[in-house]
Each structure stands twice: as C-alpha cells, then as structure tokens.
N, C-alpha and C. Protein backbone atom coordinates (compact mmCIF):
# COMPACT_ATOMS: atom_id res chain seq x y z
N MET A 1 -5.86 -3.96 35.66
CA MET A 1 -5.35 -3.98 34.09
C MET A 1 -3.92 -4.23 34.33
N SER A 2 -3.51 -5.05 33.42
CA SER A 2 -2.00 -5.37 33.51
C SER A 2 -1.02 -4.48 33.01
N ASP A 3 0.10 -4.52 33.06
CA ASP A 3 1.28 -3.48 32.67
C ASP A 3 0.91 -3.52 31.07
N MET A 4 1.13 -4.82 30.41
CA MET A 4 0.99 -4.82 29.16
C MET A 4 -0.18 -4.22 28.30
N GLU A 5 -1.75 -4.33 29.12
CA GLU A 5 -2.55 -3.50 28.57
C GLU A 5 -2.41 -2.13 28.91
N HIS A 6 -1.83 -1.64 29.91
CA HIS A 6 -1.73 -0.34 29.99
C HIS A 6 -0.62 0.36 28.75
N ASP A 7 0.21 -0.56 28.78
CA ASP A 7 1.19 0.18 27.85
C ASP A 7 0.74 0.36 26.43
N PHE A 8 -0.21 -0.69 26.14
CA PHE A 8 -0.76 -0.83 24.59
C PHE A 8 -1.78 0.30 24.73
N GLY A 9 -2.48 0.69 25.84
CA GLY A 9 -3.54 1.52 25.91
C GLY A 9 -2.74 3.15 25.74
N ALA A 10 -1.73 3.28 26.47
CA ALA A 10 -0.87 4.48 26.35
C ALA A 10 -0.27 4.56 24.91
N PHE A 11 -0.02 3.73 24.33
CA PHE A 11 0.56 3.69 22.86
C PHE A 11 -0.49 4.30 21.71
N VAL A 12 -1.85 3.61 22.16
CA VAL A 12 -2.90 3.99 21.34
C VAL A 12 -3.28 5.29 21.50
N ALA A 13 -3.49 5.60 22.63
CA ALA A 13 -3.99 6.95 23.18
C ALA A 13 -2.89 8.18 22.50
N ALA A 14 -1.58 7.79 22.40
CA ALA A 14 -0.63 8.74 22.08
C ALA A 14 -0.54 8.67 20.50
N ARG A 15 -0.56 7.56 19.76
CA ARG A 15 -0.53 7.48 18.35
C ARG A 15 -1.60 7.44 17.50
N ALA A 16 -2.87 7.40 17.97
CA ALA A 16 -4.19 6.95 17.19
C ALA A 16 -4.33 7.91 16.23
N THR A 17 -4.34 8.96 16.27
CA THR A 17 -4.73 10.19 15.66
C THR A 17 -3.73 10.01 14.20
N SER A 18 -2.47 10.00 14.31
CA SER A 18 -1.48 9.97 13.68
C SER A 18 -1.67 8.74 12.53
N LEU A 19 -1.72 7.36 13.23
CA LEU A 19 -1.92 6.23 12.43
C LEU A 19 -3.35 6.02 11.55
N LEU A 20 -4.48 6.71 12.20
CA LEU A 20 -5.52 7.16 11.59
C LEU A 20 -5.32 7.95 10.15
N ARG A 21 -4.66 8.66 10.44
CA ARG A 21 -4.35 9.28 9.10
C ARG A 21 -3.32 8.69 8.08
N VAL A 22 -2.37 7.98 8.76
CA VAL A 22 -1.80 6.87 7.44
C VAL A 22 -2.52 6.22 7.12
N ALA A 23 -3.76 5.52 7.68
CA ALA A 23 -4.60 4.61 7.12
C ALA A 23 -5.59 5.10 6.10
N TYR A 24 -5.90 6.46 6.56
CA TYR A 24 -6.77 7.17 5.71
C TYR A 24 -6.29 7.43 4.03
N LEU A 25 -4.94 8.19 4.31
CA LEU A 25 -4.05 8.11 3.34
C LEU A 25 -3.50 7.06 2.54
N ALA A 26 -3.72 5.98 3.03
CA ALA A 26 -3.14 4.61 2.26
C ALA A 26 -4.51 4.13 1.61
N CYS A 27 -5.84 4.31 2.01
CA CYS A 27 -6.86 3.73 1.29
C CYS A 27 -7.74 4.70 0.57
N GLY A 28 -7.92 6.16 1.19
CA GLY A 28 -8.64 7.17 0.69
C GLY A 28 -10.17 7.06 1.02
N ASP A 29 -10.57 6.27 2.17
CA ASP A 29 -11.89 6.53 2.56
C ASP A 29 -11.87 6.19 4.12
N ALA A 30 -12.42 7.35 4.79
CA ALA A 30 -12.45 7.21 6.31
C ALA A 30 -12.91 6.01 7.01
N THR A 31 -14.02 5.40 6.49
CA THR A 31 -14.71 4.36 7.07
C THR A 31 -13.62 3.03 7.02
N GLU A 32 -12.85 3.04 5.78
CA GLU A 32 -12.24 1.75 5.53
C GLU A 32 -10.71 1.98 6.53
N ALA A 33 -10.42 3.34 6.52
CA ALA A 33 -9.26 3.61 7.54
C ALA A 33 -9.46 3.42 8.88
N GLU A 34 -10.61 3.65 9.26
CA GLU A 34 -11.05 2.97 10.69
C GLU A 34 -10.85 1.55 10.79
N ASP A 35 -11.30 0.85 9.61
CA ASP A 35 -11.46 -0.44 9.88
C ASP A 35 -9.80 -0.96 9.63
N LEU A 36 -8.97 -0.34 8.74
CA LEU A 36 -7.55 -0.95 8.75
C LEU A 36 -6.89 -0.48 10.02
N LEU A 37 -7.07 0.53 10.78
CA LEU A 37 -6.47 1.03 12.00
C LEU A 37 -6.97 -0.05 12.87
N GLN A 38 -8.23 -0.50 12.90
CA GLN A 38 -8.48 -1.44 14.05
C GLN A 38 -8.01 -2.70 13.87
N THR A 39 -7.82 -3.11 12.46
CA THR A 39 -7.29 -4.60 12.41
C THR A 39 -5.59 -4.37 12.64
N ALA A 40 -5.13 -3.16 12.20
CA ALA A 40 -3.69 -3.10 12.58
C ALA A 40 -3.45 -3.18 14.26
N LEU A 41 -4.39 -2.26 14.89
CA LEU A 41 -4.04 -2.51 16.32
C LEU A 41 -4.32 -3.73 16.97
N GLU A 42 -5.35 -4.59 16.38
CA GLU A 42 -5.62 -5.83 17.18
C GLU A 42 -4.39 -6.89 16.71
N ARG A 43 -3.85 -6.72 15.59
CA ARG A 43 -2.66 -7.61 15.28
C ARG A 43 -1.42 -6.89 16.27
N THR A 44 -1.34 -5.85 16.38
CA THR A 44 -0.38 -5.30 17.14
C THR A 44 -0.54 -5.77 18.59
N TYR A 45 -1.88 -5.77 19.26
CA TYR A 45 -1.89 -6.18 20.62
C TYR A 45 -1.75 -7.61 20.70
N ARG A 46 -1.87 -8.35 19.71
CA ARG A 46 -1.73 -9.81 19.81
C ARG A 46 -0.38 -10.08 19.79
N ASN A 47 0.75 -9.06 19.41
CA ASN A 47 1.99 -9.34 19.09
C ASN A 47 2.80 -8.01 20.13
N TRP A 48 2.16 -7.74 20.91
CA TRP A 48 2.47 -6.66 21.83
C TRP A 48 3.66 -6.97 22.78
N ASP A 49 3.90 -8.09 23.37
CA ASP A 49 4.85 -8.32 24.19
C ASP A 49 6.46 -8.58 23.18
N ARG A 50 6.06 -8.77 22.13
CA ARG A 50 7.47 -8.87 21.03
C ARG A 50 7.42 -7.53 20.77
N VAL A 51 6.46 -6.39 20.26
CA VAL A 51 6.73 -5.36 19.58
C VAL A 51 6.97 -3.97 20.28
N ARG A 52 6.37 -4.21 21.71
CA ARG A 52 6.50 -2.97 22.50
C ARG A 52 7.87 -2.52 22.82
N HIS A 53 8.97 -3.73 22.86
CA HIS A 53 10.18 -3.23 23.20
C HIS A 53 11.09 -2.69 22.04
N ASP A 54 10.43 -2.98 20.84
CA ASP A 54 11.19 -2.18 19.77
C ASP A 54 10.47 -1.04 19.63
N SER A 55 10.24 -0.32 18.41
CA SER A 55 9.52 0.81 18.11
C SER A 55 8.17 0.25 17.51
N PRO A 56 7.12 0.31 18.36
CA PRO A 56 5.73 -0.27 17.63
C PRO A 56 4.98 0.53 16.56
N GLU A 57 5.45 1.63 16.58
CA GLU A 57 4.57 2.54 15.33
C GLU A 57 5.00 2.07 14.20
N PRO A 58 6.24 1.95 13.62
CA PRO A 58 6.45 1.43 12.52
C PRO A 58 5.90 0.06 12.19
N TYR A 59 6.04 -0.65 13.14
CA TYR A 59 5.32 -2.08 12.84
C TYR A 59 3.72 -2.08 12.79
N VAL A 60 2.98 -1.04 13.32
CA VAL A 60 1.56 -0.77 13.12
C VAL A 60 1.49 -0.06 11.59
N ARG A 61 2.36 0.80 11.21
CA ARG A 61 2.35 1.26 9.75
C ARG A 61 2.35 0.27 8.92
N ARG A 62 3.18 -0.65 8.98
CA ARG A 62 3.54 -1.71 8.09
C ARG A 62 2.28 -2.57 8.11
N VAL A 63 1.64 -2.70 9.08
CA VAL A 63 0.52 -3.71 9.01
C VAL A 63 -0.62 -2.61 8.29
N ILE A 64 -0.65 -1.77 8.60
CA ILE A 64 -1.84 -0.72 7.93
C ILE A 64 -1.65 -0.66 6.51
N VAL A 65 -0.27 -0.46 5.97
CA VAL A 65 0.04 -0.69 4.37
C VAL A 65 -0.38 -1.97 4.11
N ASN A 66 0.43 -3.00 4.53
CA ASN A 66 0.08 -4.14 3.97
C ASN A 66 -1.36 -4.49 3.95
N ALA A 67 -2.45 -4.28 4.75
CA ALA A 67 -3.85 -4.61 5.04
C ALA A 67 -4.26 -3.86 3.91
N ALA A 68 -4.00 -2.53 3.68
CA ALA A 68 -4.63 -1.55 2.44
C ALA A 68 -4.38 -2.20 1.28
N ILE A 69 -3.03 -2.63 1.06
CA ILE A 69 -2.77 -3.12 -0.45
C ILE A 69 -3.46 -4.63 -0.63
N SER A 70 -3.49 -5.44 0.42
CA SER A 70 -4.38 -6.69 0.29
C SER A 70 -5.63 -6.30 0.09
N ARG A 71 -6.35 -5.34 0.63
CA ARG A 71 -7.81 -4.96 0.37
C ARG A 71 -7.84 -4.62 -1.01
N ALA A 72 -6.99 -3.66 -1.43
CA ALA A 72 -7.17 -3.41 -2.92
C ALA A 72 -7.07 -4.40 -3.79
N ARG A 73 -6.18 -5.22 -3.68
CA ARG A 73 -5.91 -6.37 -4.64
C ARG A 73 -7.20 -7.20 -4.43
N ARG A 74 -7.57 -7.43 -3.30
CA ARG A 74 -9.02 -8.28 -3.30
C ARG A 74 -9.93 -7.64 -4.14
N ARG A 75 -10.13 -6.30 -3.94
CA ARG A 75 -11.25 -5.77 -4.62
C ARG A 75 -11.12 -5.78 -6.29
N ALA A 76 -9.87 -5.75 -6.49
CA ALA A 76 -9.38 -5.81 -7.98
C ALA A 76 -9.81 -6.94 -8.69
N ILE A 77 -9.54 -8.05 -7.82
CA ILE A 77 -9.81 -9.37 -8.42
C ILE A 77 -11.13 -9.75 -8.48
N LEU A 78 -11.87 -9.03 -7.40
CA LEU A 78 -13.55 -9.34 -7.33
C LEU A 78 -14.18 -8.27 -8.36
N ARG A 79 -13.66 -7.56 -9.11
CA ARG A 79 -14.26 -6.59 -9.79
C ARG A 79 -14.38 -7.20 -11.10
N ILE A 80 -15.66 -7.53 -11.65
CA ILE A 80 -15.93 -8.34 -12.71
C ILE A 80 -15.78 -7.32 -14.05
N ILE A 81 -16.19 -6.15 -14.19
CA ILE A 81 -16.19 -5.38 -15.06
C ILE A 81 -15.48 -3.90 -14.39
N PRO A 82 -14.42 -3.66 -15.10
CA PRO A 82 -13.60 -2.61 -14.62
C PRO A 82 -14.18 -1.30 -14.93
N MET A 83 -14.42 -0.28 -14.27
CA MET A 83 -15.22 0.79 -14.25
C MET A 83 -13.97 1.96 -14.08
N HIS A 84 -13.67 2.54 -15.37
CA HIS A 84 -12.50 3.50 -15.32
C HIS A 84 -13.08 4.73 -15.63
N ARG A 85 -12.90 5.68 -14.61
CA ARG A 85 -13.35 7.00 -14.86
C ARG A 85 -12.45 7.60 -15.69
N PRO A 86 -12.99 8.89 -16.36
CA PRO A 86 -12.02 9.64 -17.23
C PRO A 86 -11.11 10.27 -16.41
N PRO A 87 -9.76 10.66 -16.51
CA PRO A 87 -9.07 11.48 -15.59
C PRO A 87 -9.67 12.78 -15.37
N GLU A 88 -9.39 13.52 -14.22
CA GLU A 88 -9.97 14.89 -14.45
C GLU A 88 -9.43 16.01 -15.09
N THR A 89 -10.15 16.70 -15.82
CA THR A 89 -9.32 17.76 -16.68
C THR A 89 -8.95 18.80 -15.77
N ALA A 90 -8.13 19.51 -16.30
CA ALA A 90 -7.28 20.61 -15.66
C ALA A 90 -8.37 21.83 -15.25
N ALA A 91 -9.39 22.10 -16.25
CA ALA A 91 -10.48 22.93 -15.87
C ALA A 91 -11.39 22.62 -14.51
N ARG A 92 -11.58 21.35 -14.39
CA ARG A 92 -12.67 20.93 -13.18
C ARG A 92 -11.74 20.83 -12.34
N ALA A 93 -10.51 20.34 -12.43
CA ALA A 93 -9.52 20.28 -11.07
C ALA A 93 -9.24 21.77 -10.59
N ALA A 94 -9.53 22.79 -11.54
CA ALA A 94 -8.92 24.11 -10.72
C ALA A 94 -10.10 24.43 -9.82
N ASP A 95 -11.35 24.08 -10.36
CA ASP A 95 -12.71 24.64 -9.70
C ASP A 95 -12.74 23.84 -8.26
N ALA A 96 -12.08 22.56 -8.08
CA ALA A 96 -12.51 21.69 -6.95
C ALA A 96 -11.49 21.97 -5.91
N ASP A 97 -11.98 21.80 -4.74
CA ASP A 97 -10.83 21.85 -3.70
C ASP A 97 -9.82 21.08 -3.91
N LEU A 98 -8.49 21.69 -3.65
CA LEU A 98 -7.33 21.07 -4.20
C LEU A 98 -7.13 19.52 -3.00
N ARG A 99 -7.48 19.68 -1.94
CA ARG A 99 -7.54 18.46 -1.00
C ARG A 99 -8.20 17.46 -1.73
N HIS A 100 -9.45 17.60 -2.31
CA HIS A 100 -10.30 16.70 -2.92
C HIS A 100 -9.78 16.31 -4.07
N VAL A 101 -9.22 17.05 -4.84
CA VAL A 101 -8.34 16.48 -6.15
C VAL A 101 -7.30 15.76 -5.94
N LEU A 102 -6.56 15.96 -5.05
CA LEU A 102 -5.53 15.40 -4.68
C LEU A 102 -5.70 13.98 -4.05
N MET A 103 -6.98 13.79 -3.20
CA MET A 103 -6.87 12.42 -2.56
C MET A 103 -7.71 11.78 -3.83
N GLU A 104 -8.56 12.10 -4.76
CA GLU A 104 -9.01 11.53 -5.91
C GLU A 104 -7.88 10.81 -6.65
N ALA A 105 -6.85 11.87 -6.82
CA ALA A 105 -5.45 11.30 -7.62
C ALA A 105 -4.88 10.31 -6.72
N LEU A 106 -4.71 10.50 -5.67
CA LEU A 106 -4.03 9.41 -4.75
C LEU A 106 -4.77 7.97 -4.75
N ARG A 107 -6.33 7.99 -4.74
CA ARG A 107 -7.00 6.85 -4.89
C ARG A 107 -6.85 6.15 -6.03
N ALA A 108 -6.42 6.88 -7.16
CA ALA A 108 -6.32 6.24 -8.15
C ALA A 108 -4.89 5.48 -8.62
N LEU A 109 -3.79 5.68 -7.73
CA LEU A 109 -2.57 5.17 -7.69
C LEU A 109 -2.62 3.71 -7.30
N PRO A 110 -1.81 2.69 -7.98
CA PRO A 110 -1.76 1.57 -7.40
C PRO A 110 -1.35 1.54 -6.05
N PRO A 111 -1.88 0.47 -4.95
CA PRO A 111 -1.79 0.56 -3.66
C PRO A 111 -0.27 0.72 -3.25
N ARG A 112 0.61 0.05 -3.87
CA ARG A 112 1.95 -0.01 -3.38
C ARG A 112 2.61 1.78 -3.64
N GLN A 113 2.20 2.09 -4.91
CA GLN A 113 2.86 3.45 -5.20
C GLN A 113 2.24 4.50 -4.24
N ARG A 114 0.78 4.25 -3.79
CA ARG A 114 0.04 5.12 -2.90
C ARG A 114 0.67 5.30 -1.59
N ALA A 115 1.05 3.84 -1.25
CA ALA A 115 1.74 3.70 0.16
C ALA A 115 3.23 4.50 0.32
N ALA A 116 4.02 4.35 -0.51
CA ALA A 116 5.06 5.05 -1.01
C ALA A 116 4.92 6.31 -0.70
N VAL A 117 4.05 7.10 -1.50
CA VAL A 117 4.09 8.54 -1.37
C VAL A 117 3.56 8.93 -0.09
N VAL A 118 2.57 7.99 0.41
CA VAL A 118 1.89 8.72 1.88
C VAL A 118 3.20 8.60 2.82
N LEU A 119 3.85 7.55 2.78
CA LEU A 119 4.83 7.06 3.79
C LEU A 119 6.09 8.36 3.77
N ARG A 120 6.24 8.56 2.39
CA ARG A 120 7.44 9.52 2.23
C ARG A 120 7.11 10.92 2.36
N TYR A 121 5.90 11.26 1.83
CA TYR A 121 5.64 12.72 2.05
C TYR A 121 4.64 13.24 3.06
N TRP A 122 3.79 12.40 3.36
CA TRP A 122 2.92 12.57 4.49
C TRP A 122 3.42 12.37 5.83
N GLU A 123 4.27 11.14 5.94
CA GLU A 123 4.60 10.65 7.27
C GLU A 123 6.03 11.22 7.28
N ASP A 124 6.54 11.63 6.30
CA ASP A 124 8.08 12.35 6.10
C ASP A 124 8.98 11.33 6.58
N LEU A 125 8.87 10.15 6.21
CA LEU A 125 9.75 9.07 6.43
C LEU A 125 11.06 9.06 5.62
N SER A 126 12.19 8.62 5.98
CA SER A 126 13.19 8.69 5.03
C SER A 126 12.80 7.27 3.99
N GLU A 127 13.70 7.37 2.86
CA GLU A 127 13.56 6.21 1.79
C GLU A 127 13.93 5.03 2.58
N THR A 128 14.68 4.92 3.51
CA THR A 128 15.14 3.76 4.19
C THR A 128 14.03 3.27 5.01
N GLN A 129 13.54 4.12 5.79
CA GLN A 129 12.32 3.75 6.73
C GLN A 129 11.24 3.49 5.84
N THR A 130 11.05 4.01 4.60
CA THR A 130 9.61 3.60 4.07
C THR A 130 10.17 2.50 3.49
N ALA A 131 11.31 2.12 2.96
CA ALA A 131 11.63 0.65 2.63
C ALA A 131 11.41 -0.36 3.62
N GLU A 132 11.91 -0.07 5.11
CA GLU A 132 11.59 -1.13 6.16
C GLU A 132 9.95 -1.33 6.53
N VAL A 133 9.14 -0.19 6.18
CA VAL A 133 7.48 -0.22 6.50
C VAL A 133 7.07 -1.16 5.27
N LEU A 134 7.42 -1.04 4.13
CA LEU A 134 7.07 -1.53 2.91
C LEU A 134 7.59 -2.93 2.73
N GLY A 135 8.71 -3.38 3.32
CA GLY A 135 9.36 -4.73 3.38
C GLY A 135 9.77 -4.74 1.98
N CYS A 136 10.76 -3.49 1.34
CA CYS A 136 11.29 -3.65 0.20
C CYS A 136 12.69 -3.05 0.15
N THR A 137 13.48 -2.74 -0.93
CA THR A 137 14.59 -2.41 -1.05
C THR A 137 14.36 -0.66 -1.20
N VAL A 138 15.64 0.30 -1.02
CA VAL A 138 15.28 1.62 -0.98
C VAL A 138 15.05 1.90 -2.56
N GLY A 139 16.03 0.86 -3.42
CA GLY A 139 15.57 1.22 -4.71
C GLY A 139 14.13 1.18 -5.49
N THR A 140 13.47 0.18 -4.54
CA THR A 140 11.90 -0.19 -4.94
C THR A 140 11.26 1.21 -4.57
N VAL A 141 11.57 1.62 -3.46
CA VAL A 141 10.91 2.96 -2.73
C VAL A 141 11.16 4.08 -3.73
N LYS A 142 12.21 4.36 -4.35
CA LYS A 142 12.54 5.33 -5.25
C LYS A 142 11.66 5.24 -6.42
N SER A 143 11.71 4.10 -7.08
CA SER A 143 11.08 3.55 -8.12
C SER A 143 9.60 3.84 -8.11
N GLN A 144 9.06 3.32 -7.04
CA GLN A 144 7.58 3.42 -6.92
C GLN A 144 7.19 4.90 -6.34
N THR A 145 7.97 5.67 -5.97
CA THR A 145 7.66 7.11 -5.62
C THR A 145 7.67 7.80 -6.71
N SER A 146 8.81 7.73 -7.66
CA SER A 146 9.07 8.36 -8.83
C SER A 146 7.71 8.15 -9.93
N LYS A 147 7.34 6.73 -9.96
CA LYS A 147 6.21 6.57 -10.93
C LYS A 147 4.90 7.32 -10.19
N ALA A 148 4.79 7.17 -8.88
CA ALA A 148 3.54 7.53 -8.35
C ALA A 148 3.32 9.32 -8.61
N LEU A 149 4.58 9.93 -8.33
CA LEU A 149 4.57 11.36 -8.57
C LEU A 149 4.32 11.68 -10.08
N ALA A 150 4.72 10.72 -11.03
CA ALA A 150 4.58 11.21 -12.32
C ALA A 150 3.08 11.04 -12.69
N LYS A 151 2.28 10.01 -11.93
CA LYS A 151 0.91 9.75 -12.24
C LYS A 151 0.20 10.82 -11.67
N LEU A 152 0.65 11.17 -10.36
CA LEU A 152 0.04 12.51 -9.96
C LEU A 152 0.06 13.65 -10.53
N ARG A 153 1.26 13.84 -11.05
CA ARG A 153 1.38 15.13 -12.12
C ARG A 153 0.54 15.19 -13.41
N SER A 154 0.41 13.95 -13.80
CA SER A 154 -0.57 13.69 -14.96
C SER A 154 -1.95 13.87 -14.80
N ALA A 155 -2.33 13.09 -13.32
CA ALA A 155 -3.68 13.40 -13.16
C ALA A 155 -4.02 14.70 -12.74
N LEU A 156 -3.38 15.46 -12.27
CA LEU A 156 -3.61 16.83 -11.71
C LEU A 156 -3.44 17.61 -13.19
N GLY A 157 -2.91 17.35 -14.12
CA GLY A 157 -2.58 18.10 -15.48
C GLY A 157 -1.68 19.03 -15.06
N ARG A 158 -0.68 18.63 -14.53
CA ARG A 158 0.69 19.50 -14.26
C ARG A 158 1.67 19.05 -14.93
N GLU A 159 2.76 20.02 -15.26
CA GLU A 159 3.80 19.68 -15.85
C GLU A 159 4.71 19.39 -14.79
N PRO A 160 6.13 18.83 -14.92
CA PRO A 160 6.89 18.42 -13.94
C PRO A 160 7.19 19.72 -13.20
N VAL A 161 6.94 20.30 -12.20
CA VAL A 161 7.53 21.56 -11.51
C VAL A 161 7.53 21.36 -10.12
N GLU A 162 8.34 22.14 -9.46
CA GLU A 162 8.35 21.96 -7.97
C GLU A 162 7.30 22.20 -7.32
N GLY A 163 6.89 21.38 -6.35
CA GLY A 163 5.52 21.45 -5.85
C GLY A 163 5.67 20.97 -4.21
N VAL A 164 4.56 20.86 -3.46
CA VAL A 164 4.53 20.67 -2.15
C VAL A 164 3.63 19.35 -2.01
N ILE A 165 3.85 18.37 -1.46
CA ILE A 165 3.15 17.35 -0.97
C ILE A 165 3.12 17.09 0.33
N GLY A 166 2.07 16.96 1.12
CA GLY A 166 2.11 17.06 2.55
C GLY A 166 3.07 18.30 3.09
N ASN A 167 4.22 17.74 3.97
CA ASN A 167 5.11 18.76 4.41
C ASN A 167 6.49 18.81 3.69
N ALA A 168 6.38 18.10 2.55
CA ALA A 168 7.77 17.87 1.95
C ALA A 168 7.57 18.53 0.64
N HIS A 169 8.72 19.38 0.31
CA HIS A 169 8.85 19.87 -1.17
C HIS A 169 9.46 18.96 -2.14
N VAL A 170 8.55 18.80 -3.25
CA VAL A 170 9.20 17.60 -4.25
C VAL A 170 9.43 18.53 -5.55
N ARG A 171 10.48 18.05 -6.11
CA ARG A 171 11.00 18.47 -7.39
C ARG A 171 10.61 17.75 -8.66
N GLY A 172 10.22 18.24 -9.38
CA GLY A 172 9.91 17.50 -10.59
C GLY A 172 10.75 17.34 -11.86
C-alpha cells in the first residue's frame, strides 16, 4: 500500500462517522447518505494528492453538500406531479419523537437552506466556514439560515423562541 493510500485510509477511518452524519443530515435518508459519502470519498480519493496537504474534511463536506443539492434538484425536476404533504400539526408533532419530527422538517427545507442549518448548527461551523463549504458569501449563509430557521419554527408549530438545534443555541 502506498503512502497516499495509507493517508487516505487513515483519514476515512478517523472521520467517516462524522462525515456520514453530515451526509445524513444533508439528505435525510440513511441509504442516500451512504451513497453521498461514498461519492464524496471517491471524488476526494481522485484528488487526494492536492487535498491531503490542505484540510481534507472541509473539502469532503463541500462535496457531500453539493452532491445532496444536485440530487435534490434532479429529483425536483423529474417529479411530474408534485405531491405536497400537509404540515405536521402541533398536536401530532407533540406525540411523535422530537428527532423524527425535526428530521421531517429538515427534509422539507430546500437543499441549500438544509445544508446551511446542518453545517452551522450540527457541525458547529462558523458562518465563514459554512460559506466556504457552500461556496457562497457569509451574507448568503446568514440569509439561508434565517429563512431555514423560520421554516423550521413554522413546521414545528413554534413561535420564535430560544431553542436548541444540535449543540448550538438558537435565538428566535
């Protein structure tokens, strides 16, 4: 095994669980998350000589997020008859497991908004780091995050109040 293969293998062994979590939160489906991670790792391996000297994890995150957004766009385009489900009611949401309800609300967000929320609050990246991963400005991250949080509050039947998403406290 070459040094490159060893370095890549060590990176995957150390970061695969965290990266799989990012993929799952970006798409909301365990099977698709595994596919996203596999795609991202394959692309990373092809560019490993260039990527390994920088920080490879942000590169892989960006590939995951971009692939999730591309897949979501493709599905939206291929959908002939859009099927919209009514939003969860507050009573029904109160009976369900909070994690399940939150994942459903996350899945309903547009891909870039979902990516911004996942990177900011689950991955605990700064606005600047999130902007780098998404390939946009800090202002766009703020805007997308604000819109996403408003949609999440609405979907969860919550008024803007102080709450917790992931490990981060969010003010409403």
